[in-house]
Amino acid sequence: MDIFNTLLIILFVATAIFYIIFFSFIYYWHLKKTSFVVVPAIFTFEFFLTGFLIVVIVSLVLNYAPYLLKLGGFNL
């Protein structure tokens, strides 16, 4: 399994943990007027988008590291 798939699976697990923690906080915030569907969906989308960008950047850096190091004069 390549690094992208591994990091993507980790991202899915982190998103699930985020959902669990966020819904537990919303349970304690039930006295305030919050939406149980819209607010977590928005925050989860932002969390997933940020995580996916990190996964893509790390995957690209690790995938092209040998070429960049060779280009910079380092021989592996």
Protein backbone atom coordinates (compact mmCIF):
# COMPACT_ATOMS: atom_id res chain seq x y z
CA MET A 1 0.00 0.00 0.00
CA ASP A 2 1.48 3.34 -0.94
CA ILE A 3 1.80 6.33 1.37
CA PHE A 4 -1.23 8.13 -0.07
CA ASN A 5 -3.61 5.28 0.74
CA THR A 6 -2.12 4.86 4.21
CA LEU A 7 -2.47 8.54 5.03
CA LEU A 8 -5.97 8.61 3.55
CA ILE A 9 -7.04 5.77 5.85
CA ILE A 10 -5.53 7.62 8.80
CA LEU A 11 -7.46 10.71 7.71
CA PHE A 12 -10.74 8.76 7.64
CA VAL A 13 -10.05 7.43 11.14
CA ALA A 14 -9.19 10.92 12.39
CA THR A 15 -12.41 12.25 10.84
CA ALA A 16 -14.44 9.55 12.62
CA ILE A 17 -12.77 10.43 15.93
CA PHE A 18 -13.50 14.09 15.22
CA TYR A 19 -17.18 13.25 14.68
CA ILE A 20 -17.35 11.34 17.96
CA ILE A 21 -15.73 14.14 19.96
CA PHE A 22 -17.74 16.85 18.25
CA PHE A 23 -21.08 15.10 18.82
CA SER A 24 -20.18 14.53 22.46
CA PHE A 25 -19.50 18.25 22.83
CA ILE A 26 -22.78 19.09 21.14
CA TYR A 27 -24.55 16.80 23.58
CA TYR A 28 -23.19 18.93 26.41
CA TRP A 29 -24.05 22.13 24.56
CA HIS A 30 -27.70 21.10 24.12
CA LEU A 31 -28.84 24.07 26.16
CA LYS A 32 -27.68 26.39 23.40
CA LYS A 33 -29.42 26.59 20.05
CA THR A 34 -27.18 24.65 17.70
CA SER A 35 -28.03 22.46 14.79
CA PHE A 36 -27.15 18.79 15.28
CA VAL A 37 -26.58 18.26 11.55
CA VAL A 38 -25.40 21.47 9.89
CA VAL A 39 -22.79 22.68 12.38
CA PRO A 40 -20.90 19.36 12.68
CA ALA A 41 -21.08 18.86 8.92
CA ILE A 42 -19.47 22.25 8.29
CA PHE A 43 -16.71 21.74 10.84
CA THR A 44 -16.08 18.18 9.67
CA PHE A 45 -15.81 19.33 6.06
CA GLU A 46 -13.19 21.92 7.08
CA PHE A 47 -11.34 19.31 9.16
CA PHE A 48 -11.40 16.78 6.32
CA LEU A 49 -10.34 19.37 3.72
CA THR A 50 -7.38 20.46 5.84
CA GLY A 51 -6.40 16.87 6.52
CA PHE A 52 -6.71 15.91 2.86
CA LEU A 53 -4.47 18.80 1.81
CA ILE A 54 -1.88 17.69 4.37
CA VAL A 55 -2.11 14.10 3.07
CA VAL A 56 -1.63 15.26 -0.53
CA ILE A 57 1.33 17.52 0.31
CA VAL A 58 3.09 14.82 2.38
CA SER A 59 2.46 12.25 -0.34
CA LEU A 60 3.89 14.50 -3.04
CA VAL A 61 6.95 15.38 -0.98
CA LEU A 62 7.66 11.73 -0.12
CA ASN A 63 6.98 10.59 -3.68
CA TYR A 64 9.29 13.12 -5.31
CA ALA A 65 11.92 13.35 -2.55
CA PRO A 66 14.46 11.12 -4.36
CA TYR A 67 14.20 13.21 -7.53
CA LEU A 68 14.50 16.47 -5.63
CA LEU A 69 17.46 15.21 -3.61
CA LYS A 70 19.18 13.99 -6.76
CA LEU A 71 18.50 17.34 -8.40
CA GLY A 72 19.99 19.11 -5.37
CA GLY A 73 23.21 17.09 -5.61
CA PHE A 74 22.54 14.47 -2.95
CA ASN A 75 22.99 10.91 -4.15
CA LEU A 76 20.99 8.17 -2.42
